[in-house]
Amino acid sequence: MLSPAQSLHLEALAAKARAHQPITLLCVCLGNICRSPLAKALLQHHANARGLAPVLTIDSCGTGSWHVGADADPRTHLIAAKHAVVLSHVARQVDEHEDHRFDLILPMDQRNLADLLDLGLPAERTMLFRRFDPSCAALPDHKIDVPDPYYGAHDGFQTVFDMLDAATQGLFDRLYTDKARQ
């Protein structure tokens, strides 16, 4: 569930979005080669489809430094290509200045969320990405992690794609329409 401060932040962000003011989004996972680059690509894909690309800046990063400078995992590229989603990526690590650059910080799981809060990023702007999937609205945070597919089979990437796609559409509905605004 969203905290009162997070709900207020989202209402202000939605007002900004509906006024066609620029919005900045940051997707965060562990290594920045699987989930967060795919989330960024899906956000960009849906932003293009909805005509929102000119007012959105979308980025991704990881909490760990293992893959800095690397491309996304080949399986991430495969699942994006399967769905005609363009993915161009160079991994980077989060830094403590992200709070000055992004309106909304979207970690993939509770571990990423805790790491970001430990860095001092503002809790009211840092929300689990699946919180925006309408099917997850009433679920507690520990039930809405996007699982890390890195050590699993290829079908895990499809599962992650489906989760991120639903959350992406829910986020845009929340910010740009009256849908999902209860």
C-alpha atoms as a PDB file:
ATOM      1  CA  MET A   1       0.000   0.000   0.000  1.00  0.00           C
ATOM      2  CA  LEU A   2       1.087   3.569  -0.597  1.00  0.00           C
ATOM      3  CA  SER A   3       1.843   5.803   2.345  1.00  0.00           C
ATOM      4  CA  PRO A   4      -0.057   9.083   2.689  1.00  0.00           C
ATOM      5  CA  ALA A   5       3.085  10.956   1.590  1.00  0.00           C
ATOM      6  CA  GLN A   6       3.419   8.738  -1.486  1.00  0.00           C
ATOM      7  CA  SER A   7      -0.241   9.246  -2.375  1.00  0.00           C
ATOM      8  CA  LEU A   8       0.150  13.016  -2.097  1.00  0.00           C
ATOM      9  CA  HIS A   9       3.290  12.909  -4.228  1.00  0.00           C
ATOM     10  CA  LEU A  10       1.486  10.890  -6.898  1.00  0.00           C
ATOM     11  CA  GLU A  11      -1.428  13.319  -6.943  1.00  0.00           C
ATOM     12  CA  ALA A  12       0.985  16.223  -7.447  1.00  0.00           C
ATOM     13  CA  LEU A  13       2.854  14.272 -10.102  1.00  0.00           C
ATOM     14  CA  ALA A  14      -0.404  13.411 -11.883  1.00  0.00           C
ATOM     15  CA  ALA A  15      -1.368  17.094 -11.933  1.00  0.00           C
ATOM     16  CA  LYS A  16       2.040  17.896 -13.398  1.00  0.00           C
ATOM     17  CA  ALA A  17       1.646  15.120 -15.986  1.00  0.00           C
ATOM     18  CA  ARG A  18      -1.827  16.226 -17.060  1.00  0.00           C
ATOM     19  CA  ALA A  19      -0.487  19.772 -17.460  1.00  0.00           C
ATOM     20  CA  HIS A  20       2.030  18.305 -19.960  1.00  0.00           C
ATOM     21  CA  GLN A  21       4.987  19.254 -17.787  1.00  0.00           C
ATOM     22  CA  PRO A  22       8.130  17.101 -17.964  1.00  0.00           C
ATOM     23  CA  ILE A  23       8.236  13.996 -15.761  1.00  0.00           C
ATOM     24  CA  THR A  24      11.358  11.977 -14.941  1.00  0.00           C
ATOM     25  CA  LEU A  25      11.254   8.268 -14.082  1.00  0.00           C
ATOM     26  CA  LEU A  26      14.015   5.962 -12.829  1.00  0.00           C
ATOM     27  CA  CYS A  27      13.767   2.154 -12.846  1.00  0.00           C
ATOM     28  CA  VAL A  28      16.088   0.321 -10.439  1.00  0.00           C
ATOM     29  CA  CYS A  29      17.087  -3.319 -10.054  1.00  0.00           C
ATOM     30  CA  LEU A  30      20.145  -5.107  -8.714  1.00  0.00           C
ATOM     31  CA  GLY A  31      22.587  -5.272 -11.631  1.00  0.00           C
ATOM     32  CA  ASN A  32      20.843  -3.101 -14.242  1.00  0.00           C
ATOM     33  CA  ILE A  33      20.962  -5.749 -16.969  1.00  0.00           C
ATOM     34  CA  CYS A  34      17.591  -7.560 -16.711  1.00  0.00           C
ATOM     35  CA  ARG A  35      14.576  -5.978 -15.017  1.00  0.00           C
ATOM     36  CA  SER A  36      15.278  -2.243 -14.959  1.00  0.00           C
ATOM     37  CA  PRO A  37      16.458  -1.925 -18.579  1.00  0.00           C
ATOM     38  CA  LEU A  38      13.372  -3.869 -19.661  1.00  0.00           C
ATOM     39  CA  ALA A  39      11.175  -1.622 -17.513  1.00  0.00           C
ATOM     40  CA  LYS A  40      12.795   1.458 -19.060  1.00  0.00           C
ATOM     41  CA  ALA A  41      12.249   0.064 -22.575  1.00  0.00           C
ATOM     42  CA  LEU A  42       8.599  -0.734 -21.823  1.00  0.00           C
ATOM     43  CA  LEU A  43       7.995   2.711 -20.347  1.00  0.00           C
ATOM     44  CA  GLN A  44       9.520   4.285 -23.456  1.00  0.00           C
ATOM     45  CA  HIS A  45       7.531   1.959 -25.733  1.00  0.00           C
ATOM     46  CA  HIS A  46       4.212   2.853 -24.096  1.00  0.00           C
ATOM     47  CA  ALA A  47       5.168   6.540 -23.866  1.00  0.00           C
ATOM     48  CA  ASN A  48       5.733   6.537 -27.628  1.00  0.00           C
ATOM     49  CA  ALA A  49       2.417   4.763 -28.241  1.00  0.00           C
ATOM     50  CA  ARG A  50       0.543   7.257 -26.063  1.00  0.00           C
ATOM     51  CA  GLY A  51       2.327  10.312 -27.480  1.00  0.00           C
ATOM     52  CA  LEU A  52       4.002  11.049 -24.144  1.00  0.00           C
ATOM     53  CA  ALA A  53       7.646  10.683 -25.153  1.00  0.00           C
ATOM     54  CA  PRO A  54       8.292  14.446 -25.477  1.00  0.00           C
ATOM     55  CA  VAL A  55       7.420  15.042 -21.798  1.00  0.00           C
ATOM     56  CA  LEU A  56       9.081  11.971 -20.263  1.00  0.00           C
ATOM     57  CA  THR A  57      12.679  11.271 -19.361  1.00  0.00           C
ATOM     58  CA  ILE A  58      13.215   7.632 -18.428  1.00  0.00           C
ATOM     59  CA  ASP A  59      16.382   6.003 -17.139  1.00  0.00           C
ATOM     60  CA  SER A  60      17.465   2.877 -15.306  1.00  0.00           C
ATOM     61  CA  CYS A  61      20.252   1.837 -12.976  1.00  0.00           C
ATOM     62  CA  GLY A  62      21.301  -0.885 -10.572  1.00  0.00           C
ATOM     63  CA  THR A  63      22.098  -0.858  -6.888  1.00  0.00           C
ATOM     64  CA  GLY A  64      25.174  -3.027  -7.530  1.00  0.00           C
ATOM     65  CA  SER A  65      28.246  -2.204  -9.603  1.00  0.00           C
ATOM     66  CA  TRP A  66      28.959  -5.633 -11.164  1.00  0.00           C
ATOM     67  CA  HIS A  67      27.729  -4.798 -14.662  1.00  0.00           C
ATOM     68  CA  VAL A  68      28.512  -1.067 -14.978  1.00  0.00           C
ATOM     69  CA  GLY A  69      29.182  -0.299 -18.641  1.00  0.00           C
ATOM     70  CA  ALA A  70      27.674  -3.577 -19.870  1.00  0.00           C
ATOM     71  CA  ASP A  71      24.795  -4.130 -22.246  1.00  0.00           C
ATOM     72  CA  ALA A  72      21.555  -5.713 -21.050  1.00  0.00           C
ATOM     73  CA  ASP A  73      21.434  -9.498 -20.646  1.00  0.00           C
ATOM     74  CA  PRO A  74      20.930 -11.210 -24.045  1.00  0.00           C
ATOM     75  CA  ARG A  75      17.692 -12.760 -22.749  1.00  0.00           C
ATOM     76  CA  THR A  76      16.407  -9.259 -21.943  1.00  0.00           C
ATOM     77  CA  HIS A  77      17.100  -8.255 -25.546  1.00  0.00           C
ATOM     78  CA  LEU A  78      15.362 -11.398 -26.822  1.00  0.00           C
ATOM     79  CA  ILE A  79      12.169 -10.843 -24.841  1.00  0.00           C
ATOM     80  CA  ALA A  80      12.051  -7.163 -25.819  1.00  0.00           C
ATOM     81  CA  ALA A  81      12.531  -8.026 -29.499  1.00  0.00           C
ATOM     82  CA  LYS A  82       9.850 -10.726 -29.283  1.00  0.00           C
ATOM     83  CA  HIS A  83       7.373  -7.987 -28.326  1.00  0.00           C
ATOM     84  CA  ALA A  84       8.749  -5.344 -30.729  1.00  0.00           C
ATOM     85  CA  VAL A  85      10.070  -3.241 -27.852  1.00  0.00           C
ATOM     86  CA  VAL A  86      13.248  -1.308 -28.659  1.00  0.00           C
ATOM     87  CA  LEU A  87      15.962  -1.747 -26.032  1.00  0.00           C
ATOM     88  CA  SER A  88      19.243   0.180 -26.061  1.00  0.00           C
ATOM     89  CA  HIS A  89      21.218   0.044 -22.851  1.00  0.00           C
ATOM     90  CA  VAL A  90      24.442   0.659 -20.951  1.00  0.00           C
ATOM     91  CA  ALA A  91      24.344  -0.411 -17.296  1.00  0.00           C
ATOM     92  CA  ARG A  92      25.095   2.098 -14.558  1.00  0.00           C
ATOM     93  CA  GLN A  93      24.965   2.190 -10.786  1.00  0.00           C
ATOM     94  CA  VAL A  94      22.630   4.347  -8.719  1.00  0.00           C
ATOM     95  CA  ASP A  95      24.104   7.300  -6.864  1.00  0.00           C
ATOM     96  CA  GLU A  96      22.898   9.489  -4.024  1.00  0.00           C
ATOM     97  CA  HIS A  97      22.028  12.341  -6.407  1.00  0.00           C
ATOM     98  CA  GLU A  98      19.182  10.494  -8.138  1.00  0.00           C
ATOM     99  CA  ASP A  99      16.648  12.266  -5.894  1.00  0.00           C
ATOM    100  CA  HIS A 100      17.525  15.561  -7.576  1.00  0.00           C
ATOM    101  CA  ARG A 101      17.018  14.173 -11.087  1.00  0.00           C
ATOM    102  CA  PHE A 102      13.900  11.996 -10.839  1.00  0.00           C
ATOM    103  CA  ASP A 103      10.277  12.610  -9.929  1.00  0.00           C
ATOM    104  CA  LEU A 104       9.581   8.922  -9.387  1.00  0.00           C
ATOM    105  CA  ILE A 105      12.025   6.149  -8.499  1.00  0.00           C
ATOM    106  CA  LEU A 106      10.753   2.651  -9.258  1.00  0.00           C
ATOM    107  CA  PRO A 107      12.655  -0.229  -7.620  1.00  0.00           C
ATOM    108  CA  MET A 108      11.846  -3.749  -8.770  1.00  0.00           C
ATOM    109  CA  ASP A 109      11.835  -5.426  -5.366  1.00  0.00           C
ATOM    110  CA  GLN A 110      12.037  -4.846  -1.636  1.00  0.00           C
ATOM    111  CA  ARG A 111      15.808  -5.321  -1.549  1.00  0.00           C
ATOM    112  CA  ASN A 112      16.259  -2.571  -4.141  1.00  0.00           C
ATOM    113  CA  LEU A 113      13.789  -0.396  -2.239  1.00  0.00           C
ATOM    114  CA  ALA A 114      15.702  -0.827   1.028  1.00  0.00           C
ATOM    115  CA  ASP A 115      19.032  -0.079  -0.690  1.00  0.00           C
ATOM    116  CA  LEU A 116      17.630   3.118  -2.195  1.00  0.00           C
ATOM    117  CA  LEU A 117      16.177   4.298   1.101  1.00  0.00           C
ATOM    118  CA  ASP A 118      19.511   3.513   2.783  1.00  0.00           C
ATOM    119  CA  LEU A 119      21.144   5.845   0.247  1.00  0.00           C
ATOM    120  CA  GLY A 120      18.796   8.558   1.468  1.00  0.00           C
ATOM    121  CA  LEU A 121      16.502   8.706  -1.535  1.00  0.00           C
ATOM    122  CA  PRO A 122      13.110  10.174  -0.575  1.00  0.00           C
ATOM    123  CA  ALA A 123      10.544   7.566   0.491  1.00  0.00           C
ATOM    124  CA  GLU A 124       7.642   9.577  -0.924  1.00  0.00           C
ATOM    125  CA  ARG A 125       9.143   9.327  -4.435  1.00  0.00           C
ATOM    126  CA  THR A 126      10.435   5.750  -4.190  1.00  0.00           C
ATOM    127  CA  MET A 127       7.747   3.124  -4.866  1.00  0.00           C
ATOM    128  CA  LEU A 128       7.840  -0.504  -5.930  1.00  0.00           C
ATOM    129  CA  PHE A 129       7.154  -0.619  -9.660  1.00  0.00           C
ATOM    130  CA  ARG A 130       4.427  -3.267  -9.414  1.00  0.00           C
ATOM    131  CA  ARG A 131       2.503  -1.006  -7.034  1.00  0.00           C
ATOM    132  CA  PHE A 132       1.093   0.476 -10.276  1.00  0.00           C
ATOM    133  CA  ASP A 133      -0.200  -2.852 -11.599  1.00  0.00           C
ATOM    134  CA  PRO A 134      -3.948  -2.661 -10.858  1.00  0.00           C
ATOM    135  CA  SER A 135      -3.978  -6.357  -9.927  1.00  0.00           C
ATOM    136  CA  CYS A 136      -1.484  -5.599  -7.125  1.00  0.00           C
ATOM    137  CA  ALA A 137      -3.244  -2.561  -5.652  1.00  0.00           C
ATOM    138  CA  ALA A 138      -4.413  -4.257  -2.456  1.00  0.00           C
ATOM    139  CA  LEU A 139      -1.365  -6.506  -1.994  1.00  0.00           C
ATOM    140  CA  PRO A 140       1.335  -5.815   0.612  1.00  0.00           C
ATOM    141  CA  ASP A 141       4.798  -4.882  -0.648  1.00  0.00           C
ATOM    142  CA  HIS A 142       6.271  -8.313   0.061  1.00  0.00           C
ATOM    143  CA  LYS A 143       3.838  -9.821  -2.474  1.00  0.00           C
ATOM    144  CA  ILE A 144       4.658  -7.521  -5.414  1.00  0.00           C
ATOM    145  CA  ASP A 145       8.369  -7.940  -6.089  1.00  0.00           C
ATOM    146  CA  VAL A 146       9.414  -8.337  -9.713  1.00  0.00           C
ATOM    147  CA  PRO A 147      11.548 -11.492  -9.451  1.00  0.00           C
ATOM    148  CA  ASP A 148      15.105 -11.393 -10.750  1.00  0.00           C
ATOM    149  CA  PRO A 149      15.193 -13.706 -13.800  1.00  0.00           C
ATOM    150  CA  TYR A 150      19.005 -13.684 -14.103  1.00  0.00           C
ATOM    151  CA  TYR A 151      19.657 -17.186 -12.755  1.00  0.00           C
ATOM    152  CA  GLY A 152      16.511 -18.749 -14.181  1.00  0.00           C
ATOM    153  CA  ALA A 153      15.285 -20.034 -17.514  1.00  0.00           C
ATOM    154  CA  HIS A 154      14.140 -17.921 -20.442  1.00  0.00           C
ATOM    155  CA  ASP A 155      10.466 -18.197 -19.426  1.00  0.00           C
ATOM    156  CA  GLY A 156      11.285 -16.103 -16.347  1.00  0.00           C
ATOM    157  CA  PHE A 157      11.977 -13.188 -18.663  1.00  0.00           C
ATOM    158  CA  GLN A 158       8.488 -13.533 -20.159  1.00  0.00           C
ATOM    159  CA  THR A 159       6.985 -13.501 -16.666  1.00  0.00           C
ATOM    160  CA  VAL A 160       8.973 -10.362 -15.829  1.00  0.00           C
ATOM    161  CA  PHE A 161       7.942  -8.766 -19.129  1.00  0.00           C
ATOM    162  CA  ASP A 162       4.263  -9.386 -18.362  1.00  0.00           C
ATOM    163  CA  MET A 163       4.593  -7.935 -14.842  1.00  0.00           C
ATOM    164  CA  LEU A 164       6.433  -4.844 -16.059  1.00  0.00           C
ATOM    165  CA  ASP A 165       4.019  -4.315 -18.941  1.00  0.00           C
ATOM    166  CA  ALA A 166       1.006  -4.319 -16.603  1.00  0.00           C
ATOM    167  CA  ALA A 167       2.738  -1.972 -14.154  1.00  0.00           C
ATOM    168  CA  THR A 168       3.791   0.379 -16.966  1.00  0.00           C
ATOM    169  CA  GLN A 169       0.254   0.704 -18.273  1.00  0.00           C
ATOM    170  CA  GLY A 170      -1.062   1.154 -14.730  1.00  0.00           C
ATOM    171  CA  LEU A 171       1.479   3.892 -14.028  1.00  0.00           C
ATOM    172  CA  PHE A 172       0.555   5.818 -17.157  1.00  0.00           C
ATOM    173  CA  ASP A 173      -3.141   5.404 -16.399  1.00  0.00           C
ATOM    174  CA  ARG A 174      -2.513   6.736 -12.890  1.00  0.00           C
ATOM    175  CA  LEU A 175      -0.558   9.756 -14.089  1.00  0.00           C
ATOM    176  CA  TYR A 176      -2.316  10.652 -17.322  1.00  0.00           C
ATOM    177  CA  THR A 177      -5.947   9.588 -16.949  1.00  0.00           C
ATOM    178  CA  ASP A 178      -8.542   9.254 -14.227  1.00  0.00           C
ATOM    179  CA  LYS A 179      -8.222   5.437 -14.330  1.00  0.00           C
ATOM    180  CA  ALA A 180      -6.882   3.740 -11.210  1.00  0.00           C
ATOM    181  CA  ARG A 181      -7.123   6.915  -9.120  1.00  0.00           C
ATOM    182  CA  GLN A 182      -9.132   5.638  -6.161  1.00  0.00           C
END
